[in-house]
């Protein structure tokens, strides 16, 4: 499961708009180190990456709310594109709503960890 380029760009923008660009891993090596730290149980202050956190939130929600999780696990499927298709039929939150909520969740977590000030929007 991968986000398509337009949705990935929207998610990156949501993180930037919330003032968390400085917390995004600068390389795949740094991201790998943060993932390993997270999985090893190190403090979140060491492993937190808002883009990773927002992505995980979207993927988790997509898997929890879909009819066929195996379908979403394919590499060529963007869960937000699928959500957009479903939303056009059934209503409910659309892809941009999910991106905004994931960005807000990442910001709240960064605030709890003391990585950004309360005044950061």
N, C-alpha and C. Protein backbone atom coordinates (compact mmCIF):
# COMPACT_ATOMS: atom_id res chain seq x y z
N UNK A 1 0.85 -1.16 0.00
CA UNK A 1 0.00 0.00 0.00
C UNK A 1 0.90 1.23 0.00
N UNK A 2 0.70 2.07 -0.96
CA UNK A 2 1.46 3.30 -1.08
C UNK A 2 0.52 4.46 -1.36
N UNK A 3 0.87 5.61 -0.85
CA UNK A 3 0.12 6.80 -1.23
C UNK A 3 0.58 7.21 -2.63
N UNK A 4 -0.37 7.63 -3.46
CA UNK A 4 -0.01 8.14 -4.78
C UNK A 4 0.71 9.47 -4.61
N UNK A 5 1.37 9.93 -5.64
CA UNK A 5 2.15 11.17 -5.56
C UNK A 5 1.31 12.37 -5.14
N UNK A 6 0.12 12.59 -5.73
CA UNK A 6 -0.66 13.75 -5.30
C UNK A 6 -1.05 13.69 -3.82
N UNK A 7 -1.46 12.52 -3.33
CA UNK A 7 -1.83 12.42 -1.92
C UNK A 7 -0.61 12.52 -1.01
N UNK A 8 0.52 11.96 -1.45
CA UNK A 8 1.76 12.10 -0.67
C UNK A 8 2.15 13.58 -0.56
N UNK A 9 2.05 14.29 -1.68
CA UNK A 9 2.36 15.73 -1.66
C UNK A 9 1.42 16.49 -0.73
N UNK A 10 0.12 16.12 -0.74
CA UNK A 10 -0.85 16.75 0.16
C UNK A 10 -0.48 16.49 1.62
N UNK A 11 -0.05 15.26 1.92
CA UNK A 11 0.32 14.92 3.29
C UNK A 11 1.58 15.69 3.72
N UNK A 12 2.56 15.76 2.84
CA UNK A 12 3.77 16.54 3.14
C UNK A 12 3.42 18.00 3.39
N UNK A 13 2.53 18.55 2.59
CA UNK A 13 2.10 19.94 2.77
C UNK A 13 1.39 20.12 4.11
N UNK A 14 0.57 19.16 4.49
CA UNK A 14 -0.15 19.24 5.77
C UNK A 14 0.84 19.29 6.94
N UNK A 15 1.91 18.52 6.86
CA UNK A 15 2.92 18.52 7.92
C UNK A 15 3.67 19.85 7.92
N UNK A 16 4.04 20.34 6.73
CA UNK A 16 4.74 21.63 6.64
C UNK A 16 3.86 22.77 7.16
N UNK A 17 2.58 22.78 6.78
CA UNK A 17 1.66 23.84 7.20
C UNK A 17 1.49 23.89 8.71
N UNK A 18 1.76 22.79 9.38
CA UNK A 18 1.64 22.72 10.83
C UNK A 18 2.98 22.98 11.53
N UNK A 19 3.96 23.43 10.76
CA UNK A 19 5.24 23.83 11.34
C UNK A 19 6.12 22.70 11.82
N UNK A 20 6.01 21.53 11.17
CA UNK A 20 6.79 20.38 11.63
C UNK A 20 7.82 19.89 10.62
N UNK A 21 8.15 20.69 9.64
CA UNK A 21 9.12 20.28 8.62
C UNK A 21 10.45 19.86 9.24
N UNK A 22 10.86 20.57 10.28
CA UNK A 22 12.15 20.29 10.90
C UNK A 22 12.20 18.92 11.59
N UNK A 23 11.04 18.29 11.79
CA UNK A 23 11.00 16.99 12.45
C UNK A 23 10.97 15.82 11.47
N UNK A 24 10.83 16.12 10.18
CA UNK A 24 10.78 15.06 9.17
C UNK A 24 12.18 14.52 8.95
N UNK A 25 12.31 13.21 8.87
CA UNK A 25 13.60 12.58 8.60
C UNK A 25 14.18 13.14 7.31
N UNK A 26 15.47 13.46 7.34
CA UNK A 26 16.12 14.08 6.19
C UNK A 26 16.62 13.09 5.15
N UNK A 27 16.63 11.81 5.50
CA UNK A 27 17.11 10.80 4.56
C UNK A 27 16.47 9.46 4.90
N UNK A 28 16.59 8.52 3.99
CA UNK A 28 16.06 7.18 4.26
C UNK A 28 16.82 6.52 5.41
N UNK A 29 18.10 6.85 5.54
CA UNK A 29 18.89 6.30 6.65
C UNK A 29 18.37 6.83 7.99
N UNK A 30 18.09 8.12 8.06
CA UNK A 30 17.57 8.69 9.29
C UNK A 30 16.20 8.11 9.61
N UNK A 31 15.38 7.94 8.60
CA UNK A 31 14.06 7.35 8.81
C UNK A 31 14.20 5.92 9.32
N UNK A 32 15.10 5.17 8.74
CA UNK A 32 15.34 3.79 9.18
C UNK A 32 15.79 3.75 10.64
N UNK A 33 16.69 4.67 11.00
CA UNK A 33 17.15 4.74 12.39
C UNK A 33 15.99 5.07 13.33
N UNK A 34 15.12 5.98 12.92
CA UNK A 34 13.98 6.34 13.77
C UNK A 34 12.99 5.18 13.89
N UNK A 35 12.77 4.47 12.78
CA UNK A 35 11.88 3.31 12.84
C UNK A 35 12.44 2.24 13.78
N UNK A 36 13.74 1.99 13.67
CA UNK A 36 14.37 1.01 14.55
C UNK A 36 14.28 1.45 16.01
N UNK A 37 14.49 2.74 16.26
CA UNK A 37 14.38 3.26 17.62
C UNK A 37 12.96 3.09 18.15
N UNK A 38 11.99 3.38 17.29
CA UNK A 38 10.59 3.24 17.68
C UNK A 38 10.27 1.78 18.02
N UNK A 39 10.69 0.88 17.14
CA UNK A 39 10.41 -0.54 17.34
C UNK A 39 11.17 -1.11 18.54
N UNK A 40 12.28 -0.49 18.89
CA UNK A 40 13.07 -0.94 20.04
C UNK A 40 12.55 -0.37 21.35
N UNK A 41 11.54 0.47 21.28
CA UNK A 41 10.95 1.02 22.48
C UNK A 41 11.67 2.24 23.04
N UNK A 42 12.53 2.85 22.24
CA UNK A 42 13.20 4.07 22.70
C UNK A 42 12.16 5.18 22.84
N UNK A 43 12.48 6.20 23.63
CA UNK A 43 11.51 7.29 23.83
C UNK A 43 11.06 7.90 22.50
N UNK A 44 9.79 8.25 22.44
CA UNK A 44 9.24 8.82 21.21
C UNK A 44 9.93 10.11 20.81
N UNK A 45 10.48 10.82 21.79
CA UNK A 45 11.18 12.06 21.47
C UNK A 45 12.34 11.81 20.52
N UNK A 46 12.90 10.60 20.58
CA UNK A 46 14.03 10.21 19.73
C UNK A 46 13.56 9.72 18.37
N UNK A 47 12.42 9.03 18.35
CA UNK A 47 12.00 8.35 17.13
C UNK A 47 10.90 9.05 16.35
N UNK A 48 10.31 10.10 16.90
CA UNK A 48 9.14 10.70 16.26
C UNK A 48 9.47 11.39 14.95
N UNK A 49 8.69 11.07 13.94
CA UNK A 49 8.72 11.73 12.63
C UNK A 49 7.27 11.99 12.26
N UNK A 50 6.85 13.25 12.14
CA UNK A 50 5.43 13.54 11.91
C UNK A 50 4.89 12.99 10.60
N UNK A 51 5.72 12.92 9.59
CA UNK A 51 5.28 12.38 8.31
C UNK A 51 5.04 10.87 8.44
N UNK A 52 5.94 10.20 9.13
CA UNK A 52 5.78 8.77 9.37
C UNK A 52 4.53 8.53 10.23
N UNK A 53 4.35 9.32 11.29
CA UNK A 53 3.19 9.15 12.17
C UNK A 53 1.88 9.36 11.41
N UNK A 54 1.83 10.39 10.58
CA UNK A 54 0.62 10.67 9.81
C UNK A 54 0.35 9.56 8.79
N UNK A 55 1.41 9.06 8.16
CA UNK A 55 1.26 7.96 7.20
C UNK A 55 0.71 6.72 7.89
N UNK A 56 1.29 6.38 9.05
CA UNK A 56 0.83 5.20 9.79
C UNK A 56 -0.63 5.36 10.20
N UNK A 57 -1.03 6.57 10.58
CA UNK A 57 -2.43 6.80 10.96
C UNK A 57 -3.36 6.55 9.77
N UNK A 58 -2.97 7.04 8.62
CA UNK A 58 -3.80 6.84 7.42
C UNK A 58 -3.86 5.36 7.06
N UNK A 59 -2.71 4.70 7.04
CA UNK A 59 -2.70 3.27 6.68
C UNK A 59 -3.50 2.45 7.68
N UNK A 60 -3.33 2.75 8.97
CA UNK A 60 -4.08 2.01 9.99
C UNK A 60 -5.57 2.19 9.84
N UNK A 61 -6.00 3.43 9.63
CA UNK A 61 -7.43 3.69 9.44
C UNK A 61 -7.96 3.05 8.17
N UNK A 62 -7.16 3.08 7.13
CA UNK A 62 -7.59 2.46 5.87
C UNK A 62 -7.80 0.96 6.06
N UNK A 63 -6.84 0.31 6.72
CA UNK A 63 -6.96 -1.14 6.94
C UNK A 63 -8.12 -1.48 7.86
N UNK A 64 -8.36 -0.64 8.86
CA UNK A 64 -9.44 -0.90 9.81
C UNK A 64 -10.82 -0.66 9.21
N UNK A 65 -10.90 0.16 8.17
CA UNK A 65 -12.20 0.55 7.64
C UNK A 65 -12.51 0.01 6.25
N UNK A 66 -11.69 -0.88 5.75
CA UNK A 66 -11.95 -1.38 4.39
C UNK A 66 -12.60 -2.76 4.44
N UNK A 67 -13.24 -3.10 3.36
CA UNK A 67 -13.90 -4.39 3.26
C UNK A 67 -12.88 -5.51 3.06
N UNK A 68 -11.84 -5.25 2.28
CA UNK A 68 -10.86 -6.28 1.96
C UNK A 68 -9.45 -5.74 2.21
N UNK A 69 -8.90 -5.94 3.43
CA UNK A 69 -7.56 -5.44 3.73
C UNK A 69 -6.49 -5.96 2.77
N UNK A 70 -6.65 -7.17 2.28
CA UNK A 70 -5.66 -7.72 1.35
C UNK A 70 -5.55 -6.89 0.08
N UNK A 71 -6.66 -6.33 -0.36
CA UNK A 71 -6.65 -5.47 -1.55
C UNK A 71 -5.78 -4.24 -1.31
N UNK A 72 -5.93 -3.62 -0.13
CA UNK A 72 -5.16 -2.42 0.16
C UNK A 72 -3.68 -2.68 0.33
N UNK A 73 -3.30 -3.92 0.61
CA UNK A 73 -1.89 -4.23 0.82
C UNK A 73 -1.11 -4.32 -0.49
N UNK A 74 -1.79 -4.23 -1.61
CA UNK A 74 -1.10 -4.23 -2.89
C UNK A 74 -0.32 -2.93 -3.05
N UNK A 75 0.83 -3.01 -3.70
CA UNK A 75 1.68 -1.82 -3.88
C UNK A 75 1.07 -0.77 -4.79
N UNK A 76 0.21 -1.17 -5.69
CA UNK A 76 -0.34 -0.24 -6.67
C UNK A 76 -1.65 0.41 -6.22
N UNK A 77 -1.97 0.28 -4.95
CA UNK A 77 -3.22 0.82 -4.43
C UNK A 77 -2.93 1.95 -3.44
N UNK A 78 -3.49 3.11 -3.72
CA UNK A 78 -3.41 4.24 -2.79
C UNK A 78 -4.68 4.19 -1.94
N UNK A 79 -4.53 4.05 -0.63
CA UNK A 79 -5.73 3.96 0.21
C UNK A 79 -6.59 5.21 0.14
N UNK A 80 -5.98 6.36 -0.11
CA UNK A 80 -6.76 7.59 -0.18
C UNK A 80 -7.52 7.70 -1.50
N UNK A 81 -6.96 7.18 -2.57
CA UNK A 81 -7.71 7.14 -3.84
C UNK A 81 -8.91 6.21 -3.70
N UNK A 82 -8.69 5.07 -3.04
CA UNK A 82 -9.79 4.14 -2.82
C UNK A 82 -10.86 4.77 -1.92
N UNK A 83 -10.42 5.51 -0.92
CA UNK A 83 -11.35 6.20 -0.04
C UNK A 83 -12.16 7.23 -0.84
N UNK A 84 -11.50 7.94 -1.74
CA UNK A 84 -12.20 8.92 -2.57
C UNK A 84 -13.28 8.29 -3.42
N UNK A 85 -12.97 7.12 -3.96
CA UNK A 85 -13.96 6.39 -4.77
C UNK A 85 -15.13 5.97 -3.89
N UNK A 86 -14.83 5.41 -2.71
CA UNK A 86 -15.87 4.97 -1.79
C UNK A 86 -16.71 6.14 -1.30
N UNK A 87 -16.05 7.25 -1.00
CA UNK A 87 -16.75 8.42 -0.49
C UNK A 87 -17.71 8.98 -1.54
N UNK A 88 -17.33 8.89 -2.81
CA UNK A 88 -18.22 9.40 -3.86
C UNK A 88 -19.51 8.57 -3.96
N UNK A 89 -19.44 7.32 -3.49
CA UNK A 89 -20.62 6.45 -3.53
C UNK A 89 -21.39 6.51 -2.21
N UNK A 90 -20.65 6.41 -1.09
CA UNK A 90 -21.28 6.23 0.22
C UNK A 90 -21.29 7.49 1.09
N UNK A 91 -20.54 8.51 0.71
CA UNK A 91 -20.45 9.71 1.54
C UNK A 91 -19.39 9.53 2.63
N UNK A 92 -19.38 10.42 3.57
CA UNK A 92 -18.40 10.37 4.66
C UNK A 92 -17.19 11.22 4.33
N UNK A 93 -16.18 11.09 5.20
CA UNK A 93 -14.95 11.86 5.01
C UNK A 93 -14.22 11.44 3.74
N UNK A 94 -13.64 12.42 3.09
CA UNK A 94 -12.86 12.15 1.88
C UNK A 94 -11.38 12.14 2.16
N UNK A 95 -10.56 11.91 1.15
CA UNK A 95 -9.11 11.81 1.32
C UNK A 95 -8.48 13.04 1.97
N UNK A 96 -8.90 14.22 1.57
CA UNK A 96 -8.29 15.42 2.15
C UNK A 96 -8.66 15.58 3.63
N UNK A 97 -9.85 15.10 4.00
CA UNK A 97 -10.24 15.11 5.41
C UNK A 97 -9.31 14.20 6.22
N UNK A 98 -9.03 13.02 5.67
CA UNK A 98 -8.13 12.08 6.35
C UNK A 98 -6.73 12.68 6.48
N UNK A 99 -6.27 13.36 5.44
CA UNK A 99 -4.94 13.98 5.48
C UNK A 99 -4.90 15.06 6.55
N UNK A 100 -5.93 15.90 6.61
CA UNK A 100 -5.98 16.95 7.63
C UNK A 100 -6.00 16.36 9.04
N UNK A 101 -6.80 15.32 9.24
CA UNK A 101 -6.87 14.68 10.55
C UNK A 101 -5.55 14.03 10.93
N UNK A 102 -4.88 13.42 9.97
CA UNK A 102 -3.57 12.80 10.24
C UNK A 102 -2.54 13.87 10.58
N UNK A 103 -2.57 14.99 9.88
CA UNK A 103 -1.67 16.11 10.19
C UNK A 103 -1.94 16.68 11.57
N UNK A 104 -3.22 16.83 11.92
CA UNK A 104 -3.58 17.33 13.24
C UNK A 104 -3.13 16.36 14.33
N UNK A 105 -3.28 15.06 14.08
CA UNK A 105 -2.85 14.06 15.05
C UNK A 105 -1.35 14.09 15.27
N UNK A 106 -0.60 14.24 14.19
CA UNK A 106 0.86 14.32 14.29
C UNK A 106 1.27 15.58 15.07
N UNK A 107 0.58 16.69 14.82
CA UNK A 107 0.89 17.92 15.54
C UNK A 107 0.60 17.76 17.03
N UNK A 108 -0.51 17.15 17.37
CA UNK A 108 -0.85 16.95 18.77
C UNK A 108 0.20 16.06 19.46
N UNK A 109 0.63 15.03 18.77
CA UNK A 109 1.67 14.15 19.34
C UNK A 109 2.98 14.91 19.53
N UNK A 110 3.35 15.71 18.55
CA UNK A 110 4.58 16.51 18.67
C UNK A 110 4.48 17.49 19.83
N UNK A 111 3.31 18.05 20.06
CA UNK A 111 3.11 18.95 21.21
C UNK A 111 3.26 18.19 22.52
N UNK A 112 2.63 17.01 22.60
CA UNK A 112 2.73 16.20 23.82
C UNK A 112 4.17 15.84 24.14
N UNK A 113 4.95 15.61 23.10
CA UNK A 113 6.36 15.23 23.28
C UNK A 113 7.26 16.43 23.53
N UNK A 114 6.70 17.63 23.43
CA UNK A 114 7.48 18.84 23.63
C UNK A 114 8.40 19.18 22.48
N UNK A 115 8.07 18.66 21.28
CA UNK A 115 8.89 18.88 20.10
C UNK A 115 8.51 20.15 19.35
N UNK A 116 7.30 20.64 19.59
CA UNK A 116 6.84 21.91 19.03
C UNK A 116 6.10 22.65 20.13
N UNK A 117 6.04 23.96 20.03
CA UNK A 117 5.36 24.75 21.05
C UNK A 117 3.85 24.65 20.88
N UNK A 118 3.14 24.97 21.92
CA UNK A 118 1.67 24.95 21.88
C UNK A 118 1.15 25.95 20.84
N UNK A 119 1.91 26.99 20.56
CA UNK A 119 1.47 28.00 19.60
C UNK A 119 1.63 27.58 18.15
N UNK A 120 2.33 26.47 17.91
CA UNK A 120 2.52 25.99 16.55
C UNK A 120 1.18 25.57 15.98
N UNK A 121 0.88 26.04 14.77
CA UNK A 121 -0.41 25.70 14.17
C UNK A 121 -0.17 24.61 13.20
